[in-house]
Amino acid sequence: MKAKTGFNLRDVCGEHVIVAEGDENIDFSNLVAMNESSAYLWRKIQDLESFTIDDMARLLMEEYEVDRDIAVHDCEELAAKWAKAEIIEGEDIPEIDVEVTTVTEQKEKENYVSHPHINNKEGKIKSFFKKLFK
């Protein structure tokens, strides 16, 4: 996999947002917002010629206290979401059916997301991965 050219991470009013820059992305109208951990991964992979799920998981484990199985699982979902948002490309993108929400939809759900590692009744994630991808 690799990041598509012309998509850069910017901090806009305290939010991490991928913005399209350059003539080839002039019609891009979606904003891709990321939380701290997904923005960290984007910064690390953005300029690489290629990266894998294992590369992403290794980066997460170096930066955060996370189990390898959880890191791999979350990176597979993240890569699938990035692919659906059309900000990465490659033949080794995981084929996982994921939902990508708009920034507005995410703000409505802010702390209430579905995730296999949730362990309380309100649906709030207690782990460091509060939101991997907005």
N, C-alpha and C. Protein backbone atom coordinates (compact mmCIF):
# COMPACT_ATOMS: atom_id res chain seq x y z
N MET A 1 0.85 -1.18 0.00
CA MET A 1 0.00 0.00 0.00
C MET A 1 0.89 1.23 0.00
N LYS A 2 0.30 2.34 -0.40
CA LYS A 2 1.00 3.61 -0.31
C LYS A 2 -0.02 4.74 -0.26
N ALA A 3 0.39 5.84 0.34
CA ALA A 3 -0.46 7.02 0.41
C ALA A 3 -0.52 7.66 -0.96
N LYS A 4 -1.70 8.10 -1.35
CA LYS A 4 -1.82 8.80 -2.63
C LYS A 4 -1.18 10.18 -2.51
N THR A 5 -0.59 10.61 -3.59
CA THR A 5 0.05 11.92 -3.65
C THR A 5 -1.01 13.02 -3.56
N GLY A 6 -0.68 14.06 -2.84
CA GLY A 6 -1.57 15.23 -2.79
C GLY A 6 -2.50 15.26 -1.60
N PHE A 7 -2.42 14.28 -0.72
CA PHE A 7 -3.26 14.27 0.47
C PHE A 7 -2.37 14.47 1.68
N ASN A 8 -2.56 15.58 2.37
CA ASN A 8 -1.68 15.94 3.47
C ASN A 8 -2.45 16.17 4.75
N LEU A 9 -1.83 15.83 5.86
CA LEU A 9 -2.42 16.01 7.17
C LEU A 9 -2.19 17.43 7.64
N ARG A 10 -3.25 18.07 8.07
CA ARG A 10 -3.17 19.43 8.61
C ARG A 10 -3.92 19.45 9.94
N ASP A 11 -3.50 20.34 10.83
CA ASP A 11 -4.23 20.57 12.06
C ASP A 11 -5.11 21.79 11.83
N VAL A 12 -6.43 21.58 11.90
CA VAL A 12 -7.38 22.65 11.66
C VAL A 12 -8.26 22.78 12.90
N CYS A 13 -8.11 23.87 13.60
CA CYS A 13 -8.89 24.14 14.81
C CYS A 13 -8.84 22.97 15.80
N GLY A 14 -7.66 22.43 15.98
CA GLY A 14 -7.49 21.35 16.94
C GLY A 14 -7.87 19.96 16.43
N GLU A 15 -8.26 19.85 15.18
CA GLU A 15 -8.63 18.57 14.58
C GLU A 15 -7.57 18.18 13.55
N HIS A 16 -7.27 16.89 13.46
CA HIS A 16 -6.37 16.37 12.44
C HIS A 16 -7.22 16.06 11.20
N VAL A 17 -6.92 16.72 10.09
CA VAL A 17 -7.72 16.58 8.88
C VAL A 17 -6.80 16.35 7.68
N ILE A 18 -7.17 15.36 6.85
CA ILE A 18 -6.48 15.14 5.58
C ILE A 18 -7.11 16.07 4.56
N VAL A 19 -6.28 16.86 3.92
CA VAL A 19 -6.76 17.78 2.89
C VAL A 19 -6.12 17.43 1.56
N ALA A 20 -6.88 17.62 0.52
CA ALA A 20 -6.39 17.36 -0.83
C ALA A 20 -5.72 18.62 -1.35
N GLU A 21 -4.52 18.45 -1.89
CA GLU A 21 -3.78 19.58 -2.43
C GLU A 21 -3.29 19.22 -3.82
N GLY A 22 -3.24 20.19 -4.69
CA GLY A 22 -2.74 19.96 -6.05
C GLY A 22 -3.87 19.80 -7.04
N ASP A 23 -3.55 19.97 -8.31
CA ASP A 23 -4.53 19.94 -9.39
C ASP A 23 -5.21 18.58 -9.54
N GLU A 24 -4.50 17.47 -9.26
CA GLU A 24 -5.08 16.16 -9.45
C GLU A 24 -6.21 15.85 -8.46
N ASN A 25 -6.30 16.64 -7.40
CA ASN A 25 -7.32 16.40 -6.38
C ASN A 25 -8.32 17.54 -6.26
N ILE A 26 -8.42 18.35 -7.30
CA ILE A 26 -9.25 19.55 -7.24
C ILE A 26 -10.72 19.26 -6.94
N ASP A 27 -11.24 18.10 -7.36
CA ASP A 27 -12.64 17.77 -7.13
C ASP A 27 -12.89 17.05 -5.82
N PHE A 28 -11.86 16.82 -5.02
CA PHE A 28 -12.03 16.11 -3.76
C PHE A 28 -12.82 17.00 -2.80
N SER A 29 -14.00 16.53 -2.37
CA SER A 29 -14.86 17.36 -1.53
C SER A 29 -15.06 16.80 -0.13
N ASN A 30 -14.51 15.65 0.17
CA ASN A 30 -14.67 15.08 1.51
C ASN A 30 -13.49 15.44 2.40
N LEU A 31 -13.78 15.68 3.66
CA LEU A 31 -12.73 15.87 4.64
C LEU A 31 -12.54 14.55 5.37
N VAL A 32 -11.31 14.15 5.57
CA VAL A 32 -11.01 12.95 6.31
C VAL A 32 -10.39 13.39 7.63
N ALA A 33 -11.15 13.23 8.72
CA ALA A 33 -10.67 13.62 10.04
C ALA A 33 -10.09 12.39 10.74
N MET A 34 -9.04 12.61 11.50
CA MET A 34 -8.38 11.50 12.19
C MET A 34 -8.15 11.86 13.65
N ASN A 35 -8.14 10.83 14.48
CA ASN A 35 -7.77 11.06 15.87
C ASN A 35 -6.26 11.03 15.98
N GLU A 36 -5.74 11.13 17.19
CA GLU A 36 -4.30 11.23 17.41
C GLU A 36 -3.53 10.03 16.88
N SER A 37 -4.02 8.81 17.15
CA SER A 37 -3.27 7.62 16.75
C SER A 37 -3.30 7.40 15.24
N SER A 38 -4.42 7.67 14.59
CA SER A 38 -4.44 7.51 13.13
C SER A 38 -3.64 8.62 12.45
N ALA A 39 -3.65 9.83 13.02
CA ALA A 39 -2.83 10.91 12.48
C ALA A 39 -1.34 10.57 12.64
N TYR A 40 -0.99 9.96 13.76
CA TYR A 40 0.40 9.52 13.97
C TYR A 40 0.81 8.55 12.87
N LEU A 41 -0.06 7.57 12.59
CA LEU A 41 0.26 6.59 11.54
C LEU A 41 0.37 7.27 10.17
N TRP A 42 -0.53 8.19 9.87
CA TRP A 42 -0.47 8.88 8.58
C TRP A 42 0.85 9.62 8.42
N ARG A 43 1.28 10.31 9.47
CA ARG A 43 2.57 11.03 9.40
C ARG A 43 3.72 10.06 9.10
N LYS A 44 3.66 8.88 9.70
CA LYS A 44 4.74 7.91 9.53
C LYS A 44 4.74 7.25 8.15
N ILE A 45 3.57 7.02 7.56
CA ILE A 45 3.51 6.28 6.28
C ILE A 45 3.42 7.19 5.07
N GLN A 46 3.07 8.44 5.27
CA GLN A 46 2.77 9.34 4.14
C GLN A 46 3.87 9.40 3.10
N ASP A 47 5.11 9.43 3.49
CA ASP A 47 6.20 9.59 2.54
C ASP A 47 6.92 8.29 2.20
N LEU A 48 6.40 7.16 2.71
CA LEU A 48 7.02 5.87 2.39
C LEU A 48 6.64 5.42 0.98
N GLU A 49 7.55 4.72 0.31
CA GLU A 49 7.23 4.18 -1.01
C GLU A 49 6.12 3.13 -0.90
N SER A 50 6.13 2.37 0.20
CA SER A 50 5.07 1.40 0.46
C SER A 50 5.09 1.03 1.93
N PHE A 51 3.98 0.49 2.40
CA PHE A 51 3.86 0.03 3.77
C PHE A 51 2.87 -1.12 3.82
N THR A 52 2.94 -1.90 4.88
CA THR A 52 2.04 -3.04 5.06
C THR A 52 1.30 -2.87 6.38
N ILE A 53 0.34 -3.75 6.59
CA ILE A 53 -0.38 -3.79 7.87
C ILE A 53 0.61 -4.05 8.99
N ASP A 54 1.56 -4.95 8.77
CA ASP A 54 2.57 -5.24 9.80
C ASP A 54 3.40 -4.00 10.12
N ASP A 55 3.72 -3.21 9.11
CA ASP A 55 4.46 -1.96 9.35
C ASP A 55 3.64 -1.02 10.22
N MET A 56 2.37 -0.89 9.90
CA MET A 56 1.50 -0.01 10.68
C MET A 56 1.38 -0.50 12.13
N ALA A 57 1.18 -1.81 12.30
CA ALA A 57 1.05 -2.38 13.64
C ALA A 57 2.33 -2.17 14.44
N ARG A 58 3.47 -2.36 13.81
CA ARG A 58 4.76 -2.16 14.49
C ARG A 58 4.90 -0.71 14.95
N LEU A 59 4.52 0.23 14.09
CA LEU A 59 4.58 1.64 14.46
C LEU A 59 3.68 1.93 15.66
N LEU A 60 2.49 1.36 15.67
CA LEU A 60 1.59 1.57 16.80
C LEU A 60 2.17 1.00 18.09
N MET A 61 2.73 -0.19 18.00
CA MET A 61 3.29 -0.82 19.19
C MET A 61 4.50 -0.06 19.71
N GLU A 62 5.24 0.60 18.83
CA GLU A 62 6.38 1.41 19.25
C GLU A 62 5.93 2.67 19.98
N GLU A 63 4.80 3.22 19.59
CA GLU A 63 4.31 4.49 20.14
C GLU A 63 3.34 4.31 21.31
N TYR A 64 2.53 3.25 21.27
CA TYR A 64 1.48 3.03 22.26
C TYR A 64 1.63 1.65 22.90
N GLU A 65 1.07 1.50 24.07
CA GLU A 65 1.04 0.20 24.73
C GLU A 65 -0.19 -0.55 24.21
N VAL A 66 0.04 -1.38 23.22
CA VAL A 66 -1.06 -2.11 22.60
C VAL A 66 -0.59 -3.51 22.23
N ASP A 67 -1.47 -4.47 22.40
CA ASP A 67 -1.20 -5.86 22.04
C ASP A 67 -1.11 -5.99 20.52
N ARG A 68 -0.22 -6.83 20.03
CA ARG A 68 -0.01 -7.00 18.60
C ARG A 68 -1.30 -7.38 17.86
N ASP A 69 -2.07 -8.33 18.40
CA ASP A 69 -3.30 -8.75 17.73
C ASP A 69 -4.28 -7.59 17.57
N ILE A 70 -4.41 -6.79 18.60
CA ILE A 70 -5.31 -5.63 18.53
C ILE A 70 -4.77 -4.61 17.54
N ALA A 71 -3.45 -4.37 17.58
CA ALA A 71 -2.85 -3.41 16.64
C ALA A 71 -3.07 -3.85 15.20
N VAL A 72 -2.86 -5.12 14.90
CA VAL A 72 -3.06 -5.63 13.53
C VAL A 72 -4.52 -5.47 13.13
N HIS A 73 -5.43 -5.88 14.00
CA HIS A 73 -6.86 -5.78 13.70
C HIS A 73 -7.26 -4.33 13.41
N ASP A 74 -6.85 -3.42 14.28
CA ASP A 74 -7.21 -2.02 14.10
C ASP A 74 -6.56 -1.40 12.87
N CYS A 75 -5.34 -1.81 12.55
CA CYS A 75 -4.66 -1.30 11.36
C CYS A 75 -5.31 -1.82 10.08
N GLU A 76 -5.80 -3.05 10.11
CA GLU A 76 -6.54 -3.58 8.94
C GLU A 76 -7.79 -2.75 8.70
N GLU A 77 -8.53 -2.45 9.76
CA GLU A 77 -9.73 -1.62 9.61
C GLU A 77 -9.37 -0.21 9.15
N LEU A 78 -8.32 0.34 9.72
CA LEU A 78 -7.91 1.68 9.33
C LEU A 78 -7.51 1.74 7.87
N ALA A 79 -6.72 0.79 7.41
CA ALA A 79 -6.30 0.77 6.00
C ALA A 79 -7.51 0.63 5.08
N ALA A 80 -8.48 -0.19 5.47
CA ALA A 80 -9.69 -0.34 4.67
C ALA A 80 -10.47 0.97 4.61
N LYS A 81 -10.51 1.69 5.72
CA LYS A 81 -11.20 2.99 5.73
C LYS A 81 -10.45 4.02 4.90
N TRP A 82 -9.13 4.02 5.00
CA TRP A 82 -8.35 4.94 4.17
C TRP A 82 -8.56 4.64 2.70
N ALA A 83 -8.64 3.36 2.35
CA ALA A 83 -8.87 2.98 0.96
C ALA A 83 -10.24 3.44 0.50
N LYS A 84 -11.24 3.25 1.36
CA LYS A 84 -12.61 3.67 1.01
C LYS A 84 -12.68 5.19 0.84
N ALA A 85 -11.89 5.91 1.63
CA ALA A 85 -11.83 7.38 1.51
C ALA A 85 -10.95 7.81 0.33
N GLU A 86 -10.31 6.83 -0.33
CA GLU A 86 -9.47 7.04 -1.51
C GLU A 86 -8.24 7.90 -1.24
N ILE A 87 -7.61 7.67 -0.07
CA ILE A 87 -6.38 8.41 0.22
C ILE A 87 -5.16 7.49 0.21
N ILE A 88 -5.38 6.17 0.07
CA ILE A 88 -4.28 5.23 -0.15
C ILE A 88 -4.63 4.35 -1.34
N GLU A 89 -3.61 3.67 -1.85
CA GLU A 89 -3.82 2.76 -2.97
C GLU A 89 -2.89 1.57 -2.83
N GLY A 90 -3.19 0.52 -3.56
CA GLY A 90 -2.33 -0.66 -3.54
C GLY A 90 -3.15 -1.93 -3.66
N GLU A 91 -2.46 -3.00 -3.95
CA GLU A 91 -3.13 -4.28 -4.14
C GLU A 91 -3.28 -5.07 -2.85
N ASP A 92 -2.57 -4.67 -1.79
CA ASP A 92 -2.60 -5.42 -0.54
C ASP A 92 -3.50 -4.79 0.52
N ILE A 93 -4.44 -3.96 0.10
CA ILE A 93 -5.38 -3.35 1.03
C ILE A 93 -6.35 -4.43 1.53
N PRO A 94 -6.56 -4.52 2.85
CA PRO A 94 -7.49 -5.52 3.38
C PRO A 94 -8.90 -5.33 2.80
N GLU A 95 -9.52 -6.43 2.46
CA GLU A 95 -10.88 -6.38 1.93
C GLU A 95 -11.86 -6.58 3.08
N ILE A 96 -12.08 -5.51 3.81
CA ILE A 96 -12.97 -5.51 4.95
C ILE A 96 -14.07 -4.51 4.65
N ASP A 97 -15.32 -4.88 4.93
CA ASP A 97 -16.43 -3.96 4.73
C ASP A 97 -16.45 -3.00 5.91
N VAL A 98 -16.12 -1.74 5.66
CA VAL A 98 -16.06 -0.73 6.70
C VAL A 98 -16.96 0.43 6.35
N GLU A 99 -17.33 1.16 7.36
CA GLU A 99 -18.15 2.35 7.18
C GLU A 99 -17.29 3.56 7.45
N VAL A 100 -17.33 4.52 6.56
CA VAL A 100 -16.63 5.77 6.75
C VAL A 100 -17.68 6.84 6.94
N THR A 101 -17.61 7.55 8.06
CA THR A 101 -18.60 8.58 8.35
C THR A 101 -18.04 9.95 8.04
N THR A 102 -18.93 10.88 7.79
CA THR A 102 -18.51 12.25 7.56
C THR A 102 -18.13 12.87 8.90
N VAL A 103 -17.48 14.01 8.85
CA VAL A 103 -17.10 14.70 10.07
C VAL A 103 -18.34 15.04 10.89
N THR A 104 -19.41 15.47 10.25
CA THR A 104 -20.65 15.80 10.95
C THR A 104 -21.25 14.59 11.63
N GLU A 105 -21.32 13.47 10.91
CA GLU A 105 -21.86 12.24 11.52
C GLU A 105 -21.01 11.81 12.70
N GLN A 106 -19.70 11.95 12.59
CA GLN A 106 -18.82 11.54 13.68
C GLN A 106 -19.03 12.42 14.90
N LYS A 107 -19.18 13.71 14.70
CA LYS A 107 -19.40 14.61 15.83
C LYS A 107 -20.67 14.22 16.59
N GLU A 108 -21.68 13.74 15.87
CA GLU A 108 -22.92 13.31 16.53
C GLU A 108 -22.70 12.07 17.38
N LYS A 109 -21.78 11.20 16.96
CA LYS A 109 -21.52 9.96 17.67
C LYS A 109 -20.32 10.06 18.60
N GLU A 110 -19.70 11.20 18.69
CA GLU A 110 -18.40 11.45 19.30
C GLU A 110 -17.82 10.34 20.18
N ASN A 111 -18.42 10.01 21.27
CA ASN A 111 -17.84 9.01 22.17
C ASN A 111 -18.60 7.69 22.17
N TYR A 112 -19.48 7.47 21.23
CA TYR A 112 -20.29 6.26 21.22
C TYR A 112 -20.12 5.55 19.90
N VAL A 113 -19.13 4.68 19.83
CA VAL A 113 -18.82 3.96 18.61
C VAL A 113 -18.83 2.46 18.88
N SER A 114 -19.05 1.70 17.84
CA SER A 114 -19.03 0.25 17.97
C SER A 114 -17.60 -0.24 17.79
N HIS A 115 -17.13 -1.01 18.73
CA HIS A 115 -15.75 -1.50 18.68
C HIS A 115 -15.67 -2.78 19.50
N PRO A 116 -14.96 -3.80 19.05
CA PRO A 116 -14.91 -5.06 19.77
C PRO A 116 -14.22 -4.99 21.13
N HIS A 117 -13.53 -3.91 21.43
CA HIS A 117 -12.79 -3.84 22.69
C HIS A 117 -13.49 -2.94 23.71
N ILE A 118 -14.77 -2.63 23.48
CA ILE A 118 -15.52 -1.81 24.42
C ILE A 118 -15.86 -2.65 25.64
N ASN A 119 -15.74 -2.07 26.81
CA ASN A 119 -16.05 -2.84 28.00
C ASN A 119 -16.91 -2.09 29.01
N ASN A 120 -17.76 -1.21 28.55
CA ASN A 120 -18.73 -0.63 29.46
C ASN A 120 -20.08 -0.45 28.78
N LYS A 121 -21.13 -0.28 29.57
CA LYS A 121 -22.51 -0.25 29.04
C LYS A 121 -22.81 0.94 28.16
N GLU A 122 -22.18 2.08 28.41
CA GLU A 122 -22.46 3.27 27.62
C GLU A 122 -21.86 3.20 26.22
N GLY A 123 -20.97 2.25 25.95
CA GLY A 123 -20.35 2.16 24.64
C GLY A 123 -19.13 3.04 24.49
N LYS A 124 -18.60 3.55 25.59
CA LYS A 124 -17.40 4.37 25.51
C LYS A 124 -16.18 3.46 25.52
N ILE A 125 -15.26 3.73 24.64
CA ILE A 125 -14.05 2.94 24.57
C ILE A 125 -13.11 3.42 25.67
N LYS A 126 -12.62 2.48 26.46
CA LYS A 126 -11.74 2.83 27.56
C LYS A 126 -10.27 2.72 27.20
N SER A 127 -9.96 2.10 26.08
CA SER A 127 -8.57 1.91 25.70
C SER A 127 -7.99 3.20 25.12
N PHE A 128 -6.70 3.18 24.77
CA PHE A 128 -6.08 4.36 24.18
C PHE A 128 -6.65 4.66 22.81
N PHE A 129 -7.30 3.69 22.18
CA PHE A 129 -7.89 3.87 20.85
C PHE A 129 -9.30 4.41 20.98
N LYS A 130 -9.48 5.56 21.56
CA LYS A 130 -10.83 6.10 21.72
C LYS A 130 -11.53 6.14 20.38
N LYS A 131 -10.83 6.67 19.39
CA LYS A 131 -11.34 6.65 18.02
C LYS A 131 -10.13 6.46 17.12
N LEU A 132 -10.06 5.39 16.41
CA LEU A 132 -8.92 5.16 15.52
C LEU A 132 -9.08 6.00 14.27
N PHE A 133 -10.29 6.10 13.81
CA PHE A 133 -10.55 6.84 12.57
C PHE A 133 -11.88 7.53 12.74
N LYS A 134 -11.92 8.79 12.50
CA LYS A 134 -13.20 9.52 12.67
C LYS A 134 -14.05 9.32 11.47
